[in-house]
Amino acid sequence: MADTWLVVGLGNPGTRYEQTRHNVGQMVIAELAARRSETLRAHKANARAAETWLRPGGPKLVLATPNSFMNVSGGPVSQLARFYDVPAERIVLVHDELDIPFDTIKLKTGGGHGGHNGIRDVAKALGTPNFPRVRVGIGRPPGRQDPADWVLDPFSSAERTQLPLVLGDAADAVEQIIGEGLLAAQQRYHAPRA
């Protein structure tokens, strides 16, 4: 199990939330599973999970989405970490980020939660904020719309045309963090666009 990674996409359960901005982390997990022809199945950690590989002969991946609501994601994530004996530094959390423009991916390890209650709960449950994060930009709401409502809205039609590329980039970033390290992935995704 020394080379096992847990990749968790945050979101809310149920069809009501499936296509909302808050569930972009779960959408990235679906992309990673589809690339490997895997299906997430019920796991006793109040989650859905699939065991697979980064590549043949490469690190083992556990792809997962909690069945809990975003704000209480910590329980399922910490239970999965214990079940698979994965330390925090090998748990890649994929989540939406208001303070990053839509179609932008940012990567980091540790730091604060920036008001993201899912990250806050996971850090509390793990006892550390020091886990890699793939932050998928959803941008701030226009005008005076409450951010709490914005994250629970579906992506706009214009955003939906770009969404497959965003999900692909985020999935690529997860694979690069695990395969080559966070720094290499940051150099790719944080570089200015040409």
N, C-alpha and C. Protein backbone atom coordinates (compact mmCIF):
# COMPACT_ATOMS: atom_id res chain seq x y z
N MET A 1 0.82 -1.21 0.00
CA MET A 1 0.00 0.00 0.00
C MET A 1 0.86 1.26 0.00
N ALA A 2 2.18 1.10 0.00
CA ALA A 2 3.06 2.27 0.12
C ALA A 2 2.87 3.25 -1.02
N ASP A 3 2.43 2.77 -2.19
CA ASP A 3 2.29 3.66 -3.33
C ASP A 3 0.81 3.83 -3.71
N THR A 4 -0.04 3.92 -2.70
CA THR A 4 -1.47 4.13 -2.93
C THR A 4 -1.81 5.60 -2.71
N TRP A 5 -2.61 6.15 -3.62
CA TRP A 5 -3.10 7.52 -3.52
C TRP A 5 -4.61 7.52 -3.46
N LEU A 6 -5.17 8.38 -2.63
CA LEU A 6 -6.61 8.57 -2.54
C LEU A 6 -6.95 9.89 -3.23
N VAL A 7 -7.81 9.83 -4.23
CA VAL A 7 -8.22 11.03 -4.97
C VAL A 7 -9.71 11.23 -4.73
N VAL A 8 -10.05 12.33 -4.07
CA VAL A 8 -11.44 12.56 -3.66
C VAL A 8 -11.98 13.81 -4.33
N GLY A 9 -13.14 13.67 -4.95
CA GLY A 9 -13.83 14.81 -5.54
C GLY A 9 -14.98 15.23 -4.64
N LEU A 10 -14.95 16.49 -4.20
CA LEU A 10 -15.99 16.97 -3.30
C LEU A 10 -17.22 17.42 -4.08
N GLY A 11 -18.36 17.37 -3.40
CA GLY A 11 -19.62 17.78 -4.00
C GLY A 11 -20.77 17.43 -3.07
N ASN A 12 -21.97 17.51 -3.59
CA ASN A 12 -23.17 17.15 -2.84
C ASN A 12 -23.82 15.95 -3.50
N PRO A 13 -24.49 15.09 -2.70
CA PRO A 13 -25.12 13.90 -3.26
C PRO A 13 -26.47 14.21 -3.92
N GLY A 14 -26.88 13.34 -4.82
CA GLY A 14 -28.22 13.43 -5.39
C GLY A 14 -28.27 14.14 -6.72
N THR A 15 -29.31 13.82 -7.50
CA THR A 15 -29.44 14.37 -8.84
C THR A 15 -29.65 15.88 -8.84
N ARG A 16 -30.22 16.42 -7.77
CA ARG A 16 -30.47 17.87 -7.68
C ARG A 16 -29.16 18.66 -7.85
N TYR A 17 -28.04 18.09 -7.40
CA TYR A 17 -26.77 18.82 -7.38
C TYR A 17 -25.78 18.37 -8.45
N GLU A 18 -26.10 17.29 -9.17
CA GLU A 18 -25.13 16.66 -10.08
C GLU A 18 -24.40 17.62 -11.01
N GLN A 19 -25.12 18.54 -11.62
CA GLN A 19 -24.53 19.42 -12.63
C GLN A 19 -24.20 20.82 -12.11
N THR A 20 -24.14 20.97 -10.79
CA THR A 20 -23.88 22.29 -10.23
C THR A 20 -22.39 22.57 -10.10
N ARG A 21 -22.06 23.84 -9.96
CA ARG A 21 -20.65 24.25 -9.85
C ARG A 21 -19.97 23.59 -8.64
N HIS A 22 -20.72 23.44 -7.55
CA HIS A 22 -20.14 22.86 -6.32
C HIS A 22 -19.70 21.41 -6.54
N ASN A 23 -20.23 20.75 -7.57
CA ASN A 23 -19.93 19.34 -7.80
C ASN A 23 -18.84 19.10 -8.84
N VAL A 24 -18.11 20.14 -9.19
CA VAL A 24 -17.10 19.97 -10.23
C VAL A 24 -16.03 18.96 -9.79
N GLY A 25 -15.75 18.87 -8.50
CA GLY A 25 -14.79 17.87 -8.01
C GLY A 25 -15.24 16.46 -8.33
N GLN A 26 -16.53 16.19 -8.13
CA GLN A 26 -17.06 14.87 -8.45
C GLN A 26 -17.02 14.61 -9.96
N MET A 27 -17.21 15.66 -10.75
CA MET A 27 -17.15 15.51 -12.20
C MET A 27 -15.74 15.11 -12.64
N VAL A 28 -14.72 15.64 -11.96
CA VAL A 28 -13.33 15.28 -12.29
C VAL A 28 -13.08 13.81 -11.95
N ILE A 29 -13.62 13.34 -10.83
CA ILE A 29 -13.47 11.93 -10.47
C ILE A 29 -14.13 11.05 -11.53
N ALA A 30 -15.31 11.47 -12.01
CA ALA A 30 -15.99 10.72 -13.08
C ALA A 30 -15.12 10.64 -14.33
N GLU A 31 -14.43 11.74 -14.65
CA GLU A 31 -13.52 11.77 -15.81
C GLU A 31 -12.35 10.80 -15.60
N LEU A 32 -11.75 10.82 -14.41
CA LEU A 32 -10.63 9.91 -14.12
C LEU A 32 -11.08 8.46 -14.18
N ALA A 33 -12.28 8.16 -13.66
CA ALA A 33 -12.81 6.80 -13.70
C ALA A 33 -13.10 6.36 -15.14
N ALA A 34 -13.68 7.27 -15.94
CA ALA A 34 -14.01 6.94 -17.33
C ALA A 34 -12.75 6.63 -18.13
N ARG A 35 -11.67 7.36 -17.86
CA ARG A 35 -10.40 7.11 -18.57
C ARG A 35 -9.90 5.69 -18.32
N ARG A 36 -10.31 5.11 -17.20
CA ARG A 36 -9.84 3.78 -16.82
C ARG A 36 -10.96 2.73 -16.93
N SER A 37 -12.08 3.12 -17.52
CA SER A 37 -13.25 2.24 -17.65
C SER A 37 -13.66 1.65 -16.30
N GLU A 38 -13.61 2.49 -15.27
CA GLU A 38 -13.99 2.07 -13.91
C GLU A 38 -15.33 2.67 -13.53
N THR A 39 -16.01 2.00 -12.62
CA THR A 39 -17.28 2.48 -12.07
C THR A 39 -17.13 2.60 -10.56
N LEU A 40 -17.54 3.74 -10.02
CA LEU A 40 -17.51 3.90 -8.57
C LEU A 40 -18.64 3.08 -7.95
N ARG A 41 -18.31 2.37 -6.87
CA ARG A 41 -19.29 1.53 -6.19
C ARG A 41 -19.38 1.93 -4.72
N ALA A 42 -20.47 1.53 -4.09
CA ALA A 42 -20.69 1.85 -2.68
C ALA A 42 -19.52 1.33 -1.84
N HIS A 43 -19.07 2.18 -0.91
CA HIS A 43 -17.99 1.82 0.02
C HIS A 43 -18.51 2.06 1.44
N LYS A 44 -18.05 1.26 2.38
CA LYS A 44 -18.56 1.37 3.75
C LYS A 44 -18.19 2.69 4.43
N ALA A 45 -17.32 3.47 3.82
CA ALA A 45 -16.92 4.76 4.39
C ALA A 45 -17.89 5.88 4.01
N ASN A 46 -19.15 5.54 3.71
CA ASN A 46 -20.15 6.53 3.28
C ASN A 46 -19.65 7.30 2.05
N ALA A 47 -19.19 6.50 1.09
CA ALA A 47 -18.63 7.07 -0.14
C ALA A 47 -18.86 6.09 -1.28
N ARG A 48 -18.54 6.56 -2.48
CA ARG A 48 -18.46 5.67 -3.64
C ARG A 48 -17.00 5.67 -4.06
N ALA A 49 -16.48 4.51 -4.41
CA ALA A 49 -15.04 4.42 -4.70
C ALA A 49 -14.75 3.37 -5.76
N ALA A 50 -13.62 3.54 -6.42
CA ALA A 50 -13.10 2.57 -7.38
C ALA A 50 -11.60 2.47 -7.17
N GLU A 51 -11.10 1.24 -7.17
CA GLU A 51 -9.66 1.01 -7.06
C GLU A 51 -9.12 0.77 -8.46
N THR A 52 -8.05 1.48 -8.81
CA THR A 52 -7.49 1.37 -10.15
C THR A 52 -6.00 1.73 -10.07
N TRP A 53 -5.41 2.09 -11.20
CA TRP A 53 -3.97 2.40 -11.27
C TRP A 53 -3.78 3.68 -12.05
N LEU A 54 -2.71 4.41 -11.72
CA LEU A 54 -2.37 5.59 -12.51
C LEU A 54 -2.09 5.16 -13.95
N ARG A 55 -1.31 4.09 -14.08
CA ARG A 55 -0.98 3.47 -15.37
C ARG A 55 -0.53 2.05 -15.03
N PRO A 56 -0.48 1.15 -16.00
CA PRO A 56 -0.02 -0.21 -15.69
C PRO A 56 1.35 -0.19 -15.01
N GLY A 57 1.43 -0.84 -13.88
CA GLY A 57 2.68 -0.88 -13.13
C GLY A 57 2.95 0.37 -12.30
N GLY A 58 2.04 1.34 -12.37
CA GLY A 58 2.21 2.59 -11.63
C GLY A 58 1.51 2.57 -10.29
N PRO A 59 1.42 3.73 -9.64
CA PRO A 59 0.80 3.80 -8.33
C PRO A 59 -0.68 3.39 -8.37
N LYS A 60 -1.13 2.81 -7.26
CA LYS A 60 -2.54 2.47 -7.11
C LYS A 60 -3.32 3.74 -6.81
N LEU A 61 -4.50 3.87 -7.43
CA LEU A 61 -5.38 5.00 -7.18
C LEU A 61 -6.68 4.50 -6.58
N VAL A 62 -7.16 5.21 -5.58
CA VAL A 62 -8.51 5.02 -5.09
C VAL A 62 -9.25 6.30 -5.45
N LEU A 63 -10.18 6.22 -6.39
CA LEU A 63 -10.99 7.36 -6.80
C LEU A 63 -12.26 7.33 -5.97
N ALA A 64 -12.64 8.46 -5.38
CA ALA A 64 -13.79 8.44 -4.48
C ALA A 64 -14.56 9.74 -4.46
N THR A 65 -15.84 9.62 -4.15
CA THR A 65 -16.71 10.77 -3.89
C THR A 65 -17.50 10.46 -2.63
N PRO A 66 -17.50 11.36 -1.65
CA PRO A 66 -18.30 11.14 -0.45
C PRO A 66 -19.80 11.15 -0.78
N ASN A 67 -20.57 10.37 -0.03
CA ASN A 67 -22.04 10.41 -0.14
C ASN A 67 -22.63 11.51 0.72
N SER A 68 -21.81 12.15 1.53
CA SER A 68 -22.26 13.21 2.44
C SER A 68 -22.34 14.54 1.69
N PHE A 69 -22.97 15.51 2.33
CA PHE A 69 -22.97 16.85 1.75
C PHE A 69 -21.58 17.46 1.91
N MET A 70 -21.29 18.41 1.04
CA MET A 70 -19.98 19.06 0.97
C MET A 70 -19.43 19.46 2.34
N ASN A 71 -20.26 20.11 3.14
CA ASN A 71 -19.79 20.69 4.40
C ASN A 71 -19.41 19.66 5.45
N VAL A 72 -19.76 18.40 5.23
CA VAL A 72 -19.39 17.33 6.17
C VAL A 72 -18.66 16.21 5.42
N SER A 73 -17.75 16.61 4.55
CA SER A 73 -16.96 15.65 3.75
C SER A 73 -15.85 14.99 4.56
N GLY A 74 -15.48 15.58 5.67
CA GLY A 74 -14.33 15.09 6.43
C GLY A 74 -14.46 13.66 6.90
N GLY A 75 -15.64 13.28 7.38
CA GLY A 75 -15.85 11.92 7.88
C GLY A 75 -15.54 10.87 6.83
N PRO A 76 -16.21 10.92 5.66
CA PRO A 76 -15.90 9.93 4.63
C PRO A 76 -14.44 9.96 4.17
N VAL A 77 -13.86 11.15 4.03
CA VAL A 77 -12.47 11.22 3.57
C VAL A 77 -11.53 10.58 4.59
N SER A 78 -11.71 10.88 5.87
CA SER A 78 -10.82 10.31 6.89
C SER A 78 -11.04 8.79 7.02
N GLN A 79 -12.29 8.33 6.84
CA GLN A 79 -12.55 6.88 6.89
C GLN A 79 -11.88 6.17 5.71
N LEU A 80 -11.96 6.75 4.53
CA LEU A 80 -11.29 6.17 3.37
C LEU A 80 -9.77 6.15 3.58
N ALA A 81 -9.23 7.23 4.13
CA ALA A 81 -7.79 7.30 4.38
C ALA A 81 -7.35 6.20 5.35
N ARG A 82 -8.14 5.97 6.39
CA ARG A 82 -7.81 4.90 7.34
C ARG A 82 -7.95 3.52 6.69
N PHE A 83 -9.03 3.33 5.94
CA PHE A 83 -9.29 2.02 5.32
C PHE A 83 -8.15 1.64 4.38
N TYR A 84 -7.68 2.59 3.58
CA TYR A 84 -6.61 2.30 2.61
C TYR A 84 -5.22 2.63 3.14
N ASP A 85 -5.15 3.09 4.38
CA ASP A 85 -3.87 3.42 5.02
C ASP A 85 -3.07 4.42 4.19
N VAL A 86 -3.76 5.53 3.83
CA VAL A 86 -3.14 6.57 3.01
C VAL A 86 -2.91 7.81 3.87
N PRO A 87 -1.66 8.31 3.95
CA PRO A 87 -1.40 9.53 4.72
C PRO A 87 -1.90 10.77 3.99
N ALA A 88 -2.06 11.85 4.73
CA ALA A 88 -2.62 13.09 4.17
C ALA A 88 -1.88 13.55 2.92
N GLU A 89 -0.56 13.40 2.89
CA GLU A 89 0.20 13.91 1.74
C GLU A 89 -0.07 13.11 0.45
N ARG A 90 -0.80 12.00 0.56
CA ARG A 90 -1.17 11.21 -0.62
C ARG A 90 -2.69 11.24 -0.86
N ILE A 91 -3.35 12.23 -0.27
CA ILE A 91 -4.77 12.43 -0.52
C ILE A 91 -4.92 13.68 -1.38
N VAL A 92 -5.35 13.51 -2.62
CA VAL A 92 -5.55 14.64 -3.52
C VAL A 92 -7.03 15.00 -3.49
N LEU A 93 -7.32 16.21 -3.03
CA LEU A 93 -8.70 16.68 -2.96
C LEU A 93 -8.99 17.57 -4.17
N VAL A 94 -10.06 17.29 -4.87
CA VAL A 94 -10.46 18.06 -6.05
C VAL A 94 -11.74 18.80 -5.69
N HIS A 95 -11.73 20.13 -5.84
CA HIS A 95 -12.90 20.91 -5.41
C HIS A 95 -13.03 22.19 -6.21
N ASP A 96 -14.22 22.78 -6.12
CA ASP A 96 -14.51 24.06 -6.76
C ASP A 96 -13.85 25.19 -5.97
N GLU A 97 -13.56 26.29 -6.66
CA GLU A 97 -12.91 27.44 -6.01
C GLU A 97 -13.49 28.74 -6.57
N LEU A 98 -14.19 29.49 -5.72
CA LEU A 98 -14.80 30.76 -6.12
C LEU A 98 -13.78 31.81 -6.53
N ASP A 99 -12.64 31.84 -5.87
CA ASP A 99 -11.66 32.91 -6.07
C ASP A 99 -10.73 32.68 -7.25
N ILE A 100 -11.03 31.68 -8.06
CA ILE A 100 -10.26 31.41 -9.27
C ILE A 100 -11.23 31.50 -10.45
N PRO A 101 -10.84 32.18 -11.54
CA PRO A 101 -11.75 32.31 -12.69
C PRO A 101 -12.14 30.95 -13.27
N PHE A 102 -13.35 30.90 -13.82
CA PHE A 102 -13.78 29.68 -14.50
C PHE A 102 -12.77 29.31 -15.58
N ASP A 103 -12.55 28.05 -15.75
CA ASP A 103 -11.64 27.40 -16.72
C ASP A 103 -10.17 27.50 -16.32
N THR A 104 -9.92 27.84 -15.06
CA THR A 104 -8.55 27.91 -14.55
C THR A 104 -8.37 26.87 -13.45
N ILE A 105 -7.21 26.20 -13.46
CA ILE A 105 -6.88 25.18 -12.46
C ILE A 105 -5.69 25.71 -11.64
N LYS A 106 -5.79 25.61 -10.33
CA LYS A 106 -4.66 25.97 -9.46
C LYS A 106 -4.40 24.80 -8.50
N LEU A 107 -3.13 24.59 -8.19
CA LEU A 107 -2.73 23.45 -7.37
C LEU A 107 -1.94 23.93 -6.16
N LYS A 108 -2.18 23.29 -5.04
CA LYS A 108 -1.38 23.62 -3.85
C LYS A 108 -1.48 22.50 -2.84
N THR A 109 -0.61 22.56 -1.85
CA THR A 109 -0.68 21.69 -0.68
C THR A 109 -0.76 22.58 0.53
N GLY A 110 -1.65 22.24 1.45
CA GLY A 110 -1.74 22.98 2.70
C GLY A 110 -2.35 24.35 2.54
N GLY A 111 -2.17 25.16 3.57
CA GLY A 111 -2.74 26.50 3.58
C GLY A 111 -4.14 26.49 4.19
N GLY A 112 -4.77 27.63 4.13
CA GLY A 112 -6.09 27.78 4.72
C GLY A 112 -7.18 27.19 3.84
N HIS A 113 -8.42 27.30 4.33
CA HIS A 113 -9.55 26.76 3.59
C HIS A 113 -10.23 27.82 2.74
N GLY A 114 -9.87 29.08 2.92
CA GLY A 114 -10.43 30.16 2.11
C GLY A 114 -11.95 30.25 2.17
N GLY A 115 -12.53 29.85 3.30
CA GLY A 115 -13.98 29.91 3.44
C GLY A 115 -14.70 28.71 2.84
N HIS A 116 -13.95 27.75 2.30
CA HIS A 116 -14.56 26.55 1.69
C HIS A 116 -14.83 25.55 2.81
N ASN A 117 -16.11 25.36 3.12
CA ASN A 117 -16.47 24.51 4.26
C ASN A 117 -16.11 23.04 4.07
N GLY A 118 -16.09 22.58 2.83
CA GLY A 118 -15.67 21.20 2.58
C GLY A 118 -14.22 20.99 2.94
N ILE A 119 -13.37 21.93 2.53
CA ILE A 119 -11.93 21.85 2.86
C ILE A 119 -11.73 21.98 4.37
N ARG A 120 -12.45 22.90 4.98
CA ARG A 120 -12.37 23.08 6.43
C ARG A 120 -12.67 21.76 7.15
N ASP A 121 -13.74 21.07 6.74
CA ASP A 121 -14.15 19.84 7.41
C ASP A 121 -13.16 18.70 7.18
N VAL A 122 -12.62 18.61 5.96
CA VAL A 122 -11.63 17.56 5.68
C VAL A 122 -10.36 17.80 6.50
N ALA A 123 -9.88 19.04 6.53
CA ALA A 123 -8.67 19.36 7.31
C ALA A 123 -8.86 19.03 8.79
N LYS A 124 -10.05 19.35 9.30
CA LYS A 124 -10.35 19.05 10.71
C LYS A 124 -10.36 17.54 10.96
N ALA A 125 -11.01 16.79 10.05
CA ALA A 125 -11.12 15.34 10.23
C ALA A 125 -9.77 14.65 10.09
N LEU A 126 -8.92 15.14 9.20
CA LEU A 126 -7.60 14.54 9.00
C LEU A 126 -6.59 15.02 10.05
N GLY A 127 -6.91 16.12 10.72
CA GLY A 127 -6.00 16.67 11.71
C GLY A 127 -4.87 17.48 11.09
N THR A 128 -4.98 17.78 9.79
CA THR A 128 -3.96 18.57 9.09
C THR A 128 -4.56 19.15 7.81
N PRO A 129 -4.10 20.35 7.42
CA PRO A 129 -4.51 20.88 6.11
C PRO A 129 -3.51 20.51 5.01
N ASN A 130 -2.51 19.71 5.35
CA ASN A 130 -1.41 19.46 4.43
C ASN A 130 -1.67 18.28 3.49
N PHE A 131 -2.61 18.50 2.57
CA PHE A 131 -2.90 17.53 1.52
C PHE A 131 -2.96 18.28 0.20
N PRO A 132 -2.56 17.63 -0.90
CA PRO A 132 -2.60 18.29 -2.21
C PRO A 132 -4.03 18.61 -2.63
N ARG A 133 -4.20 19.74 -3.29
CA ARG A 133 -5.53 20.18 -3.73
C ARG A 133 -5.49 20.60 -5.19
N VAL A 134 -6.46 20.11 -5.93
CA VAL A 134 -6.69 20.57 -7.30
C VAL A 134 -7.91 21.47 -7.22
N ARG A 135 -7.66 22.77 -7.37
CA ARG A 135 -8.71 23.78 -7.20
C ARG A 135 -9.21 24.18 -8.58
N VAL A 136 -10.47 23.86 -8.84
CA VAL A 136 -11.07 24.10 -10.15
C VAL A 136 -11.87 25.40 -10.07
N GLY A 137 -11.43 26.39 -10.83
CA GLY A 137 -12.05 27.70 -10.76
C GLY A 137 -13.48 27.70 -11.28
N ILE A 138 -14.38 28.31 -10.49
CA ILE A 138 -15.77 28.50 -10.94
C ILE A 138 -16.11 29.99 -11.00
N GLY A 139 -15.18 30.84 -10.55
CA GLY A 139 -15.41 32.29 -10.59
C GLY A 139 -16.43 32.77 -9.58
N ARG A 140 -16.46 34.06 -9.41
CA ARG A 140 -17.42 34.70 -8.49
C ARG A 140 -18.74 34.97 -9.21
N PRO A 141 -19.85 35.01 -8.46
CA PRO A 141 -21.14 35.30 -9.09
C PRO A 141 -21.21 36.72 -9.61
N PRO A 142 -22.01 36.93 -10.66
CA PRO A 142 -22.17 38.29 -11.18
C PRO A 142 -23.04 39.12 -10.25
N GLY A 143 -22.84 40.42 -10.27
CA GLY A 143 -23.69 41.33 -9.50
C GLY A 143 -23.69 41.02 -8.02
N ARG A 144 -24.89 40.96 -7.45
CA ARG A 144 -25.02 40.77 -6.00
C ARG A 144 -25.48 39.37 -5.62
N GLN A 145 -25.40 38.43 -6.56
CA GLN A 145 -25.84 37.08 -6.24
C GLN A 145 -25.01 36.50 -5.10
N ASP A 146 -25.69 35.86 -4.18
CA ASP A 146 -25.04 35.24 -3.03
C ASP A 146 -24.16 34.08 -3.52
N PRO A 147 -22.88 34.06 -3.11
CA PRO A 147 -22.01 32.95 -3.52
C PRO A 147 -22.58 31.58 -3.14
N ALA A 148 -23.31 31.50 -2.03
CA ALA A 148 -23.90 30.22 -1.60
C ALA A 148 -24.92 29.72 -2.62
N ASP A 149 -25.64 30.65 -3.26
CA ASP A 149 -26.58 30.26 -4.31
C ASP A 149 -25.84 29.94 -5.61
N TRP A 150 -24.83 30.74 -5.91
CA TRP A 150 -24.05 30.58 -7.15
C TRP A 150 -23.45 29.18 -7.26
N VAL A 151 -22.85 28.69 -6.18
CA VAL A 151 -22.19 27.38 -6.25
C VAL A 151 -23.19 26.25 -6.46
N LEU A 152 -24.45 26.49 -6.08
CA LEU A 152 -25.48 25.45 -6.23
C LEU A 152 -26.26 25.58 -7.54
N ASP A 153 -25.88 26.55 -8.38
CA ASP A 153 -26.49 26.70 -9.70
C ASP A 153 -25.75 25.81 -10.70
N PRO A 154 -26.46 25.36 -11.75
CA PRO A 154 -25.76 24.64 -12.83
C PRO A 154 -24.84 25.61 -13.58
N PHE A 155 -23.86 25.03 -14.26
CA PHE A 155 -23.01 25.85 -15.12
C PHE A 155 -23.86 26.47 -16.23
N SER A 156 -23.48 27.67 -16.67
CA SER A 156 -24.19 28.33 -17.77
C SER A 156 -23.95 27.56 -19.07
N SER A 157 -24.74 27.84 -20.08
CA SER A 157 -24.57 27.14 -21.37
C SER A 157 -23.19 27.43 -21.96
N ALA A 158 -22.71 28.67 -21.82
CA ALA A 158 -21.37 29.00 -22.32
C ALA A 158 -20.30 28.21 -21.55
N GLU A 159 -20.46 28.11 -20.23
CA GLU A 159 -19.51 27.35 -19.42
C GLU A 159 -19.56 25.86 -19.78
N ARG A 160 -20.75 25.36 -20.03
CA ARG A 160 -20.89 23.92 -20.34
C ARG A 160 -20.13 23.53 -21.61
N THR A 161 -19.99 24.47 -22.56
CA THR A 161 -19.23 24.13 -23.76
C THR A 161 -17.75 23.98 -23.44
N GLN A 162 -17.26 24.71 -22.44
CA GLN A 162 -15.86 24.65 -22.03
C GLN A 162 -15.59 23.56 -20.99
N LEU A 163 -16.65 23.12 -20.31
CA LEU A 163 -16.49 22.24 -19.15
C LEU A 163 -15.71 20.96 -19.44
N PRO A 164 -15.93 20.26 -20.57
CA PRO A 164 -15.14 19.05 -20.81
C PRO A 164 -13.63 19.31 -20.83
N LEU A 165 -13.21 20.47 -21.37
CA LEU A 165 -11.79 20.82 -21.37
C LEU A 165 -11.29 21.07 -19.96
N VAL A 166 -12.10 21.76 -19.15
CA VAL A 166 -11.73 22.05 -17.76
C VAL A 166 -11.58 20.75 -16.98
N LEU A 167 -12.56 19.86 -17.12
CA LEU A 167 -12.51 18.59 -16.41
C LEU A 167 -11.30 17.76 -16.87
N GLY A 168 -11.01 17.81 -18.16
CA GLY A 168 -9.84 17.11 -18.68
C GLY A 168 -8.54 17.66 -18.11
N ASP A 169 -8.44 18.99 -18.04
CA ASP A 169 -7.25 19.62 -17.45
C ASP A 169 -7.09 19.23 -15.98
N ALA A 170 -8.19 19.26 -15.24
CA ALA A 170 -8.13 18.93 -13.81
C ALA A 170 -7.73 17.47 -13.62
N ALA A 171 -8.27 16.58 -14.46
CA ALA A 171 -7.90 15.16 -14.36
C ALA A 171 -6.42 14.98 -14.72
N ASP A 172 -5.96 15.68 -15.75
CA ASP A 172 -4.54 15.64 -16.11
C ASP A 172 -3.68 16.12 -14.95
N ALA A 173 -4.13 17.18 -14.27
CA ALA A 173 -3.37 17.73 -13.13
C ALA A 173 -3.26 16.71 -12.01
N VAL A 174 -4.35 16.01 -11.72
CA VAL A 174 -4.31 14.94 -10.69
C VAL A 174 -3.26 13.91 -11.08
N GLU A 175 -3.32 13.46 -12.33
CA GLU A 175 -2.38 12.42 -12.78
C GLU A 175 -0.94 12.91 -12.71
N GLN A 176 -0.72 14.19 -13.04
CA GLN A 176 0.64 14.71 -13.01
C GLN A 176 1.15 14.87 -11.58
N ILE A 177 0.30 15.30 -10.65
CA ILE A 177 0.71 15.40 -9.25
C ILE A 177 1.20 14.04 -8.76
N ILE A 178 0.43 13.00 -9.07
CA ILE A 178 0.77 11.66 -8.58
C ILE A 178 1.98 11.10 -9.33
N GLY A 179 2.05 11.34 -10.62
CA GLY A 179 3.13 10.75 -11.44
C GLY A 179 4.44 11.49 -11.39
N GLU A 180 4.37 12.84 -11.29
CA GLU A 180 5.60 13.64 -11.39
C GLU A 180 5.83 14.58 -10.21
N GLY A 181 4.83 14.73 -9.36
CA GLY A 181 4.98 15.62 -8.21
C GLY A 181 4.24 16.93 -8.39
N LEU A 182 3.95 17.58 -7.27
CA LEU A 182 3.18 18.82 -7.28
C LEU A 182 3.90 19.94 -8.03
N LEU A 183 5.20 20.07 -7.83
CA LEU A 183 5.93 21.17 -8.46
C LEU A 183 5.85 21.11 -9.98
N ALA A 184 6.05 19.93 -10.55
CA ALA A 184 5.97 19.78 -12.01
C ALA A 184 4.56 20.16 -12.50
N ALA A 185 3.55 19.73 -11.76
CA ALA A 185 2.18 20.04 -12.15
C ALA A 185 1.91 21.54 -12.03
N GLN A 186 2.41 22.16 -10.96
CA GLN A 186 2.23 23.61 -10.80
C GLN A 186 2.90 24.37 -11.94
N GLN A 187 4.09 23.93 -12.34
CA GLN A 187 4.79 24.63 -13.42
C GLN A 187 3.98 24.58 -14.71
N ARG A 188 3.24 23.50 -14.91
CA ARG A 188 2.42 23.40 -16.12
C ARG A 188 1.15 24.24 -15.99
N TYR A 189 0.46 24.14 -14.88
CA TYR A 189 -0.87 24.75 -14.77
C TYR A 189 -0.85 26.20 -14.28
N HIS A 190 0.26 26.63 -13.70
CA HIS A 190 0.34 28.02 -13.22
C HIS A 190 1.09 28.92 -14.20
N ALA A 191 1.58 28.34 -15.28
CA ALA A 191 2.31 29.15 -16.27
C ALA A 191 1.33 30.08 -16.97
N PRO A 192 1.78 31.30 -17.32
CA PRO A 192 0.90 32.21 -18.06
C PRO A 192 0.50 31.58 -19.41
N ARG A 193 -0.73 31.84 -19.79
CA ARG A 193 -1.21 31.30 -21.07
C ARG A 193 -0.61 32.09 -22.21
N ALA A 194 -0.28 31.37 -23.27
CA ALA A 194 0.31 32.03 -24.44
C ALA A 194 -0.75 32.81 -25.20
